Amino acid sequence: MPINSFDDYPMSWIPNKSKLKKPIYLSIANELITDIEEGVLEANTKLPPQRELADYLDLNLSTITKAFKYCELNGYIYGITGKGTFVSQNRVEKNDMFLSANEKITNLGLVEPYYEYDHYSLKVAQEVLRQPNALTLFTYDSPIGTKSQIASAKRWLKELNVEVSEDQIAIFPGVQNTLTILLIAMFHPGDRIAVDKYTYTNFVKLANQLNLRLVPIEGDQEGMLPKVLKQECSNKEIKGIFLMPTLSNPTNTIMGVARKKELSKIIKEYELLLIEDETYNFLLDEPVTPLISIIPEQTIYVHGVSKEFSAGLRVAFVVVPEILRECILDTAINVNLKGNALSAEIVSRLIDTKVAKTMVRKKRRKAKRYTEIFKRQFPSHTPNIRFFQWIQLPDSINAKEFEEKATQHEVRILGSHQFVVGEQVKQSYIRIALSSVKSEKELETSLVKLKALIESYQ
């Protein structure tokens, strides 16, 4: 018997040799894939070195290399030069955010932007298409926005208390595409990014897809705790930080200036790259001080207009420090995630004609009415204007089970397990979107159901 064939060989993963059949590399790959899909191997588990595995199985190194390559190409594992091969998180966690169409179910899961105001965007779009230069909007010219579009973006950002020069602004096709560009351009597989314990689920999924490691930081009613961030930065090599300081999704926290200054000191001390996502700040009556104004040299500021204008206008205004501009723009062009000239022109016209202000004012009013309906059913929660609400469930209720139970009662919400980074804590929450219903009556009926369901556990 070869010396490398004993059964207690210490490795994080060992295939069942009795199940191997030709082609051997594919058999090994399928065993590894099965163990990943069935949860035998957890996300980011470090796999045995290929040579070590080859020695144990009495196989050529090339066979193991071919098996690992097959799994890597299919997104199950990823390699970090000099550190090893790891299980991909995006193959371990199932994305069940979206529900198949069912007219009986009221969808309080997805946050929608009040579609009834899209007629404003339609009218402006028709005007744009009647312009003498309309044909230029169908070309590849101006991939990050024309001069006039960027000027409009600058004016709108100023309304949000972001005062920057035009050469710092780029127009990209929506927030999620922007985040994709930024993560590809600025980080490498295995890099760590600090995030809130409960954070924007699409950012979590994207980071997992790119094999970036997210470091959850505990927070309070104002968001991320500086003390915890500093401790994690001291213990781990963290490259970046992602924050939604205003009406954070899902927790709805609003970060005060003092907290922002505390965090900025740590970001500067540890040379972190900050991505500041301000998607919902337009809902505030008075603009707040953004992090980019405190620490501009390390901040990439992102503001999408889909929620405040129209969902179909996939446009994001991005403010980039000069030192990072070339790398980010090159990445956007290389992956063909350039701005949509037609959408950008419609957004620009909405801003220039002040129709944008009308839309935002109407959406704030409606959000206020819907928030009042929510408070009638959940009076202990007294939030300001919101598109969604974050409710702490009683200790006896598990978020995932409650989400499934609510769906059985024809109401779709999202449990905190959809947003949590790292281990699920004992306390459970649910996020309720108020902006996706067809009427006030439908919202109230659904909230009554949810309230009764919660009380049935007590």
Protein backbone atom coordinates (compact mmCIF):
# COMPACT_ATOMS: atom_id res chain seq x y z
CA MET A 1 0.00 0.00 0.00
CA PRO A 2 1.44 3.42 -0.90
CA ILE A 3 2.39 5.59 2.05
CA ASN A 4 -0.07 8.29 0.94
CA SER A 5 -3.13 6.03 1.04
CA PHE A 6 -4.00 6.00 4.73
CA ASP A 7 -7.56 7.00 5.54
CA ASP A 8 -6.90 9.72 8.12
CA TYR A 9 -4.98 12.00 5.79
CA PRO A 10 -5.72 15.53 7.17
CA MET A 11 -7.41 17.50 4.40
CA SER A 12 -10.40 19.86 4.33
CA TRP A 13 -12.02 17.84 1.55
CA ILE A 14 -11.46 14.25 0.46
CA PRO A 15 -13.40 12.66 -2.43
CA ASN A 16 -14.75 9.16 -2.06
CA LYS A 17 -12.18 7.08 -3.97
CA SER A 18 -14.61 4.19 -4.37
CA LYS A 19 -16.92 6.40 -6.47
CA LEU A 20 -14.29 7.54 -8.95
CA LYS A 21 -14.78 6.43 -12.54
CA LYS A 22 -13.51 7.53 -15.91
CA PRO A 23 -13.04 10.24 -16.86
CA ILE A 24 -11.47 10.61 -13.40
CA TYR A 25 -11.14 14.41 -13.51
CA LEU A 26 -14.88 14.81 -14.18
CA SER A 27 -15.75 12.32 -11.45
CA ILE A 28 -13.69 14.31 -8.93
CA ALA A 29 -15.24 17.58 -10.15
CA ASN A 30 -18.78 16.21 -9.79
CA GLU A 31 -18.08 15.01 -6.24
CA LEU A 32 -16.77 18.43 -5.31
CA ILE A 33 -19.76 20.18 -6.91
CA THR A 34 -22.20 17.87 -5.08
CA ASP A 35 -20.56 18.56 -1.72
CA ILE A 36 -20.71 22.30 -2.37
CA GLU A 37 -24.37 22.26 -3.47
CA GLU A 38 -25.45 20.06 -0.54
CA GLY A 39 -23.68 22.23 2.03
CA VAL A 40 -21.00 19.72 3.02
CA LEU A 41 -18.45 22.40 2.12
CA GLU A 42 -19.19 25.88 3.40
CA ALA A 43 -18.51 29.11 1.52
CA ASN A 44 -14.86 30.20 1.46
CA THR A 45 -13.61 26.82 2.71
CA LYS A 46 -9.99 26.42 1.67
CA LEU A 47 -9.56 23.27 -0.42
CA PRO A 48 -6.50 21.00 -0.21
CA PRO A 49 -3.52 21.92 -2.39
CA GLN A 50 -3.80 20.19 -5.75
CA ARG A 51 -0.49 18.34 -5.37
CA GLU A 52 -1.49 17.09 -1.92
CA LEU A 53 -4.80 15.80 -3.28
CA ALA A 54 -3.05 14.14 -6.22
CA ASP A 55 -0.63 12.37 -3.86
CA TYR A 56 -3.46 11.13 -1.69
CA LEU A 57 -5.41 9.74 -4.66
CA ASP A 58 -2.31 8.36 -6.43
CA LEU A 59 -3.18 10.42 -9.49
CA ASN A 60 -1.30 12.74 -11.81
CA LEU A 61 -1.32 16.38 -10.78
CA SER A 62 -2.78 17.28 -14.18
CA THR A 63 -5.94 15.26 -13.40
CA ILE A 64 -6.61 17.29 -10.24
CA THR A 65 -5.76 20.52 -12.03
CA LYS A 66 -8.27 19.68 -14.75
CA ALA A 67 -10.95 18.84 -12.16
CA PHE A 68 -10.40 22.10 -10.28
CA LYS A 69 -10.41 24.07 -13.52
CA TYR A 70 -13.77 22.54 -14.46
CA CYS A 71 -15.26 23.60 -11.12
CA GLU A 72 -13.74 27.06 -11.37
CA LEU A 73 -15.13 27.67 -14.85
CA ASN A 74 -18.58 26.73 -13.54
CA GLY A 75 -18.29 29.16 -10.64
CA TYR A 76 -18.02 26.66 -7.76
CA ILE A 77 -14.48 27.50 -6.63
CA TYR A 78 -11.99 30.33 -7.03
CA GLY A 79 -8.26 30.69 -6.60
CA ILE A 80 -6.17 33.40 -4.96
CA THR A 81 -2.56 33.52 -6.08
CA GLY A 82 -0.27 32.54 -3.23
CA LYS A 83 -3.15 31.63 -0.88
CA GLY A 84 -4.96 28.66 -2.38
CA THR A 85 -8.33 27.57 -3.75
CA PHE A 86 -11.65 28.29 -2.01
CA VAL A 87 -15.36 27.44 -2.26
CA SER A 88 -17.36 30.22 -3.96
CA GLN A 89 -20.03 31.75 -1.78
CA ASN A 90 -22.40 32.49 -4.67
CA ARG A 91 -22.82 28.72 -5.27
CA VAL A 92 -23.58 28.01 -1.63
CA GLU A 93 -26.22 30.67 -1.06
CA LYS A 94 -29.39 30.47 -3.07
CA ASN A 95 -30.90 33.73 -4.26
CA ASP A 96 -34.60 33.40 -3.54
CA MET A 97 -35.45 37.10 -3.43
CA PHE A 98 -37.66 36.95 -6.47
CA LEU A 99 -40.98 35.20 -6.55
CA SER A 100 -42.62 33.83 -9.67
CA ALA A 101 -45.63 35.82 -10.82
CA ASN A 102 -48.70 35.17 -8.70
CA GLU A 103 -51.55 37.66 -8.85
CA LYS A 104 -52.93 36.49 -5.50
CA ILE A 105 -49.78 37.43 -3.62
CA THR A 106 -49.24 41.04 -2.57
CA ASN A 107 -45.59 41.80 -3.17
CA LEU A 108 -44.11 43.71 -0.25
CA GLY A 109 -40.72 42.22 -1.01
CA LEU A 110 -39.32 44.25 -3.89
CA VAL A 111 -38.95 48.00 -3.44
CA GLU A 112 -40.62 49.69 -6.41
CA PRO A 113 -40.62 53.42 -7.19
CA TYR A 114 -44.35 54.32 -7.63
CA TYR A 115 -44.88 53.59 -11.32
CA GLU A 116 -47.90 55.87 -11.58
CA TYR A 117 -45.57 58.85 -11.96
CA ASP A 118 -43.83 57.38 -15.01
CA HIS A 119 -46.06 59.49 -17.27
CA TYR A 120 -43.81 62.44 -16.46
CA SER A 121 -40.81 60.51 -17.80
CA LEU A 122 -42.79 59.38 -20.84
CA LYS A 123 -43.72 62.93 -21.78
CA VAL A 124 -40.13 64.11 -21.44
CA ALA A 125 -38.90 61.08 -23.42
CA GLN A 126 -41.24 62.02 -26.27
CA GLU A 127 -39.86 65.56 -26.24
CA VAL A 128 -36.28 64.24 -26.29
CA LEU A 129 -37.00 62.04 -29.29
CA ARG A 130 -38.36 65.04 -31.19
CA GLN A 131 -35.09 66.94 -30.76
CA PRO A 132 -33.12 67.68 -33.96
CA ASN A 133 -30.13 65.79 -32.52
CA ALA A 134 -32.16 62.74 -31.37
CA LEU A 135 -30.26 60.36 -33.68
CA THR A 136 -27.02 61.06 -31.81
CA LEU A 137 -28.57 59.38 -28.75
CA PHE A 138 -28.41 56.02 -30.53
CA THR A 139 -24.62 56.06 -31.00
CA TYR A 140 -21.63 54.96 -28.93
CA ASP A 141 -20.51 58.55 -28.47
CA SER A 142 -20.05 60.00 -24.98
CA PRO A 143 -19.94 56.68 -23.04
CA ILE A 144 -19.96 58.46 -19.64
CA GLY A 145 -22.34 61.28 -20.57
CA THR A 146 -22.29 64.38 -22.72
CA LYS A 147 -21.10 67.71 -21.39
CA SER A 148 -24.67 68.95 -20.96
CA GLN A 149 -25.80 65.72 -19.26
CA ILE A 150 -22.93 65.92 -16.79
CA ALA A 151 -23.79 69.57 -16.13
CA SER A 152 -27.33 68.49 -15.28
CA ALA A 153 -25.99 65.74 -13.03
CA LYS A 154 -23.85 68.30 -11.22
CA ARG A 155 -26.89 70.49 -10.57
CA TRP A 156 -28.90 67.56 -9.23
CA LEU A 157 -26.06 66.39 -6.99
CA LYS A 158 -25.78 69.91 -5.59
CA GLU A 159 -29.43 69.60 -4.50
CA LEU A 160 -28.27 66.58 -2.48
CA ASN A 161 -25.41 68.52 -0.89
CA VAL A 162 -22.75 67.01 -3.14
CA GLU A 163 -20.70 69.82 -4.63
CA VAL A 164 -18.07 68.54 -7.07
CA SER A 165 -16.55 69.59 -10.38
CA GLU A 166 -17.91 68.24 -13.65
CA ASP A 167 -14.70 66.35 -14.44
CA GLN A 168 -15.29 64.18 -11.35
CA ILE A 169 -18.71 63.00 -12.58
CA ALA A 170 -19.49 60.02 -14.79
CA ILE A 171 -22.91 58.72 -15.84
CA PHE A 172 -23.23 54.93 -15.65
CA PRO A 173 -26.14 52.57 -16.44
CA GLY A 174 -27.73 52.18 -13.00
CA VAL A 175 -26.48 51.51 -9.47
CA GLN A 176 -26.04 47.74 -9.72
CA ASN A 177 -24.02 48.02 -12.93
CA THR A 178 -21.99 50.78 -11.32
CA LEU A 179 -21.23 48.59 -8.31
CA THR A 180 -20.16 45.82 -10.70
CA ILE A 181 -17.74 48.19 -12.44
CA LEU A 182 -16.32 49.44 -9.14
CA LEU A 183 -15.78 46.00 -7.62
CA ILE A 184 -14.11 44.65 -10.77
CA ALA A 185 -11.90 47.73 -11.14
CA MET A 186 -10.88 48.28 -7.53
CA PHE A 187 -10.70 44.82 -5.92
CA HIS A 188 -9.33 41.32 -6.50
CA PRO A 189 -10.77 37.90 -5.52
CA GLY A 190 -10.21 37.33 -1.83
CA ASP A 191 -10.10 41.03 -0.90
CA ARG A 192 -12.09 42.01 2.18
CA ILE A 193 -14.74 44.75 2.20
CA ALA A 194 -16.38 45.99 5.40
CA VAL A 195 -20.18 46.24 5.30
CA ASP A 196 -23.07 46.64 7.71
CA LYS A 197 -24.19 43.42 9.39
CA TYR A 198 -27.43 43.76 7.44
CA THR A 199 -26.74 45.26 4.05
CA TYR A 200 -28.09 45.73 0.54
CA THR A 201 -28.67 42.17 -0.66
CA ASN A 202 -27.72 42.85 -4.29
CA PHE A 203 -24.32 44.09 -3.13
CA VAL A 204 -23.87 40.91 -1.11
CA LYS A 205 -24.76 38.70 -4.08
CA LEU A 206 -22.48 40.66 -6.38
CA ALA A 207 -19.54 40.48 -3.98
CA ASN A 208 -20.09 36.75 -3.59
CA GLN A 209 -20.17 36.33 -7.36
CA LEU A 210 -16.81 38.10 -7.62
CA ASN A 211 -15.39 36.07 -4.70
CA LEU A 212 -14.86 39.09 -2.49
CA ARG A 213 -14.99 38.52 1.26
CA LEU A 214 -17.42 40.71 3.17
CA VAL A 215 -16.64 41.59 6.79
CA PRO A 216 -19.84 42.32 8.76
CA ILE A 217 -19.68 45.26 11.17
CA GLU A 218 -22.26 45.65 13.90
CA GLY A 219 -24.26 48.85 14.08
CA ASP A 220 -26.86 50.79 16.04
CA GLN A 221 -29.65 53.26 15.19
CA GLU A 222 -27.12 55.45 13.33
CA GLY A 223 -25.49 52.67 11.37
CA MET A 224 -22.02 51.16 11.49
CA LEU A 225 -20.15 51.36 14.82
CA PRO A 226 -16.70 52.98 14.47
CA LYS A 227 -15.26 51.02 17.39
CA VAL A 228 -16.13 47.70 15.76
CA LEU A 229 -14.83 48.82 12.35
CA LYS A 230 -11.50 49.85 13.89
CA GLN A 231 -11.19 46.54 15.69
CA GLU A 232 -11.82 44.57 12.49
CA CYS A 233 -9.36 46.74 10.55
CA SER A 234 -6.75 46.05 13.22
CA ASN A 235 -7.30 42.29 13.02
CA LYS A 236 -7.84 41.84 9.28
CA GLU A 237 -6.48 43.29 6.06
CA ILE A 238 -9.54 45.18 4.82
CA LYS A 239 -9.33 46.95 1.46
CA GLY A 240 -12.68 48.69 1.18
CA ILE A 241 -15.94 49.66 2.83
CA PHE A 242 -19.49 49.88 1.46
CA LEU A 243 -21.99 52.17 3.16
CA MET A 244 -25.53 53.44 2.57
CA PRO A 245 -25.49 56.31 5.08
CA THR A 246 -28.98 57.66 4.35
CA LEU A 247 -31.98 55.35 4.71
CA SER A 248 -29.79 52.29 4.48
CA ASN A 249 -31.32 49.26 2.80
CA PRO A 250 -32.69 47.31 4.69
CA THR A 251 -32.38 48.92 8.13
CA ASN A 252 -33.44 52.49 7.22
CA THR A 253 -30.77 54.01 9.48
CA ILE A 254 -29.71 57.62 8.93
CA MET A 255 -26.11 58.32 9.83
CA GLY A 256 -25.42 61.60 11.62
CA VAL A 257 -22.51 63.91 10.86
CA ALA A 258 -20.62 63.01 14.05
CA ARG A 259 -20.79 59.31 13.21
CA LYS A 260 -19.64 60.03 9.65
CA LYS A 261 -16.63 61.94 10.95
CA GLU A 262 -15.70 59.10 13.30
CA LEU A 263 -15.88 56.55 10.49
CA SER A 264 -13.98 58.84 8.13
CA LYS A 265 -11.01 58.95 10.54
CA ILE A 266 -10.82 55.15 10.50
CA ILE A 267 -11.27 54.97 6.72
CA LYS A 268 -8.41 57.42 6.32
CA GLU A 269 -6.19 55.73 8.90
CA TYR A 270 -6.49 52.30 7.27
CA GLU A 271 -6.55 53.65 3.70
CA LEU A 272 -9.88 52.04 2.85
CA LEU A 273 -11.68 52.74 -0.40
CA LEU A 274 -15.21 53.89 0.43
CA ILE A 275 -18.20 53.25 -1.84
CA GLU A 276 -20.97 55.58 -0.66
CA ASP A 277 -24.34 54.50 -2.08
CA GLU A 278 -26.96 57.22 -1.62
CA THR A 279 -29.97 55.76 -3.41
CA TYR A 280 -32.68 56.98 -1.03
CA ASN A 281 -31.37 60.35 0.19
CA PHE A 282 -33.86 62.16 -2.08
CA LEU A 283 -36.63 61.22 0.38
CA LEU A 284 -35.29 63.61 3.02
CA ASP A 285 -36.76 67.11 3.12
CA GLU A 286 -33.34 68.57 3.94
CA PRO A 287 -30.09 67.25 2.42
CA VAL A 288 -27.50 65.74 4.75
CA THR A 289 -23.72 66.03 4.80
CA PRO A 290 -22.37 63.22 2.61
CA LEU A 291 -19.24 61.27 3.47
CA ILE A 292 -17.64 62.37 0.21
CA SER A 293 -17.52 65.95 1.53
CA ILE A 294 -15.59 64.74 4.60
CA ILE A 295 -13.17 62.33 2.93
CA PRO A 296 -13.31 63.04 -0.84
CA GLU A 297 -9.97 61.51 -1.79
CA GLN A 298 -11.03 58.00 -0.73
CA THR A 299 -14.73 58.07 -1.63
CA ILE A 300 -16.63 56.96 -4.71
CA TYR A 301 -20.12 58.43 -4.46
CA VAL A 302 -23.02 56.69 -6.24
CA HIS A 303 -26.52 58.07 -6.70
CA GLY A 304 -29.06 56.19 -8.82
CA VAL A 305 -32.20 57.88 -10.15
CA SER A 306 -34.41 54.83 -10.73
CA LYS A 307 -36.23 55.18 -7.41
CA GLU A 308 -36.73 58.95 -7.56
CA PHE A 309 -37.56 59.19 -11.29
CA SER A 310 -38.46 55.95 -13.12
CA ALA A 311 -37.25 52.36 -12.83
CA GLY A 312 -36.68 52.09 -16.57
CA LEU A 313 -34.18 54.96 -16.49
CA ARG A 314 -31.11 52.97 -15.51
CA VAL A 315 -28.92 55.93 -14.74
CA ALA A 316 -26.47 56.53 -11.90
CA PHE A 317 -24.42 59.63 -11.19
CA VAL A 318 -20.98 58.58 -10.02
CA VAL A 319 -18.37 60.86 -8.44
CA VAL A 320 -14.86 59.44 -8.76
CA PRO A 321 -11.57 60.75 -7.27
CA GLU A 322 -9.13 61.83 -9.98
CA ILE A 323 -6.57 59.18 -9.03
CA LEU A 324 -9.10 56.37 -9.67
CA ARG A 325 -10.89 57.82 -12.66
CA GLU A 326 -8.84 56.25 -15.46
CA CYS A 327 -8.94 52.74 -13.98
CA ILE A 328 -12.71 52.85 -13.40
CA LEU A 329 -13.56 54.30 -16.79
CA ASP A 330 -11.28 51.81 -18.55
CA THR A 331 -13.04 48.96 -16.76
CA ALA A 332 -16.47 50.30 -17.74
CA ILE A 333 -15.43 50.49 -21.38
CA ASN A 334 -13.72 47.08 -21.34
CA VAL A 335 -16.84 45.29 -20.06
CA ASN A 336 -19.11 47.48 -22.21
CA LEU A 337 -21.01 48.87 -19.22
CA LYS A 338 -21.20 52.36 -20.61
CA GLY A 339 -23.96 54.86 -20.01
CA ASN A 340 -27.18 54.78 -22.03
CA ALA A 341 -27.24 58.08 -23.94
CA LEU A 342 -31.02 58.08 -24.40
CA SER A 343 -31.78 57.42 -20.73
CA ALA A 344 -29.16 59.96 -19.67
CA GLU A 345 -30.72 62.59 -21.94
CA ILE A 346 -34.20 61.95 -20.54
CA VAL A 347 -32.85 62.27 -17.00
CA SER A 348 -31.01 65.44 -17.96
CA ARG A 349 -34.20 66.95 -19.42
CA LEU A 350 -36.18 65.96 -16.30
CA ILE A 351 -33.69 67.88 -14.20
CA ASP A 352 -33.37 70.90 -16.48
CA THR A 353 -37.14 71.40 -16.82
CA LYS A 354 -37.62 70.90 -13.05
CA VAL A 355 -40.01 68.02 -13.72
CA ALA A 356 -37.67 65.93 -11.57
CA LYS A 357 -38.45 68.11 -8.56
CA THR A 358 -42.17 67.67 -9.18
CA MET A 359 -41.79 63.87 -9.31
CA VAL A 360 -39.74 63.76 -6.13
CA ARG A 361 -42.18 66.03 -4.30
CA LYS A 362 -45.13 63.80 -5.26
CA LYS A 363 -43.26 60.63 -4.29
CA ARG A 364 -42.39 62.08 -0.90
CA ARG A 365 -46.05 62.90 -0.31
CA LYS A 366 -47.18 59.42 -1.26
CA ALA A 367 -44.44 57.79 0.80
CA LYS A 368 -45.61 59.87 3.77
CA ARG A 369 -49.22 58.66 3.33
CA TYR A 370 -48.13 55.03 3.06
CA THR A 371 -45.88 55.42 6.10
CA GLU A 372 -48.89 56.67 8.08
CA ILE A 373 -50.82 53.54 7.03
CA PHE A 374 -47.94 51.44 8.28
CA LYS A 375 -47.88 53.28 11.63
CA ARG A 376 -51.57 52.56 12.17
CA GLN A 377 -50.82 48.83 12.25
CA PHE A 378 -47.39 49.06 13.90
CA PRO A 379 -47.64 52.09 16.22
CA SER A 380 -44.51 51.17 18.17
CA HIS A 381 -42.55 51.88 15.00
CA THR A 382 -42.63 55.62 14.37
CA PRO A 383 -40.49 56.17 11.28
CA ASN A 384 -40.33 59.16 8.99
CA ILE A 385 -40.96 58.93 5.25
CA ARG A 386 -39.72 55.61 3.92
CA PHE A 387 -40.11 53.33 0.88
CA PHE A 388 -39.74 50.30 3.16
CA GLN A 389 -39.76 49.40 6.87
CA TRP A 390 -37.53 47.21 9.02
CA ILE A 391 -39.33 45.41 11.85
CA GLN A 392 -37.81 43.43 14.68
CA LEU A 393 -39.70 40.18 15.22
CA PRO A 394 -40.36 38.62 18.63
CA ASP A 395 -37.64 36.23 19.83
CA SER A 396 -39.84 33.23 19.14
CA ILE A 397 -40.03 33.93 15.38
CA ASN A 398 -37.45 32.84 12.85
CA ALA A 399 -37.15 35.26 9.90
CA LYS A 400 -36.91 32.60 7.21
CA GLU A 401 -39.85 30.64 8.57
CA PHE A 402 -41.90 33.81 8.92
CA GLU A 403 -41.15 34.82 5.32
CA GLU A 404 -42.42 31.43 4.13
CA LYS A 405 -45.47 31.66 6.40
CA ALA A 406 -46.33 35.14 5.11
CA THR A 407 -46.11 33.89 1.52
CA GLN A 408 -48.61 31.15 2.41
CA HIS A 409 -50.89 33.98 3.60
CA GLU A 410 -50.42 35.70 0.22
CA VAL A 411 -48.06 38.45 1.40
CA ARG A 412 -44.48 38.55 0.18
CA ILE A 413 -41.90 40.15 2.50
CA LEU A 414 -38.18 39.57 2.97
CA GLY A 415 -36.66 38.15 6.14
CA SER A 416 -33.39 39.35 7.62
CA HIS A 417 -31.62 36.19 6.41
CA GLN A 418 -31.78 37.74 2.93
CA PHE A 419 -29.59 40.65 4.05
CA VAL A 420 -27.35 39.28 6.78
CA VAL A 421 -23.61 39.06 6.21
CA GLY A 422 -21.80 36.34 8.12
CA GLU A 423 -23.58 34.21 10.67
CA GLN A 424 -27.31 34.71 11.22
CA VAL A 425 -27.87 36.25 14.64
CA LYS A 426 -30.57 35.03 16.97
CA GLN A 427 -32.69 38.16 16.57
CA SER A 428 -34.86 38.20 13.43
CA TYR A 429 -36.24 41.06 11.36
CA ILE A 430 -38.37 41.54 8.25
CA ARG A 431 -38.26 44.22 5.57
CA ILE A 432 -41.63 45.42 4.29
CA ALA A 433 -41.72 47.40 1.05
CA LEU A 434 -44.51 50.00 1.10
CA SER A 435 -44.04 51.31 -2.42
CA SER A 436 -44.91 48.22 -4.44
CA VAL A 437 -48.67 47.88 -3.83
CA LYS A 438 -51.39 48.97 -6.23
CA SER A 439 -53.46 50.89 -3.68
CA GLU A 440 -53.68 52.10 -0.10
CA LYS A 441 -56.36 49.50 0.57
CA GLU A 442 -54.10 46.68 -0.62
CA LEU A 443 -51.31 47.95 1.62
CA GLU A 444 -53.51 48.18 4.70
CA THR A 445 -55.05 44.73 4.09
CA SER A 446 -51.59 43.18 3.77
CA LEU A 447 -50.26 44.92 6.87
CA VAL A 448 -53.26 43.70 8.88
CA LYS A 449 -52.40 40.15 7.76
CA LEU A 450 -48.78 40.55 8.79
CA LYS A 451 -49.67 42.00 12.16
CA ALA A 452 -52.09 39.13 12.87
CA LEU A 453 -49.48 36.61 11.77
CA ILE A 454 -46.88 38.07 14.12
CA GLU A 455 -49.36 38.09 17.00
CA SER A 456 -50.26 34.45 16.34
CA TYR A 457 -46.76 33.46 17.48
CA GLN A 458 -47.12 35.16 20.85
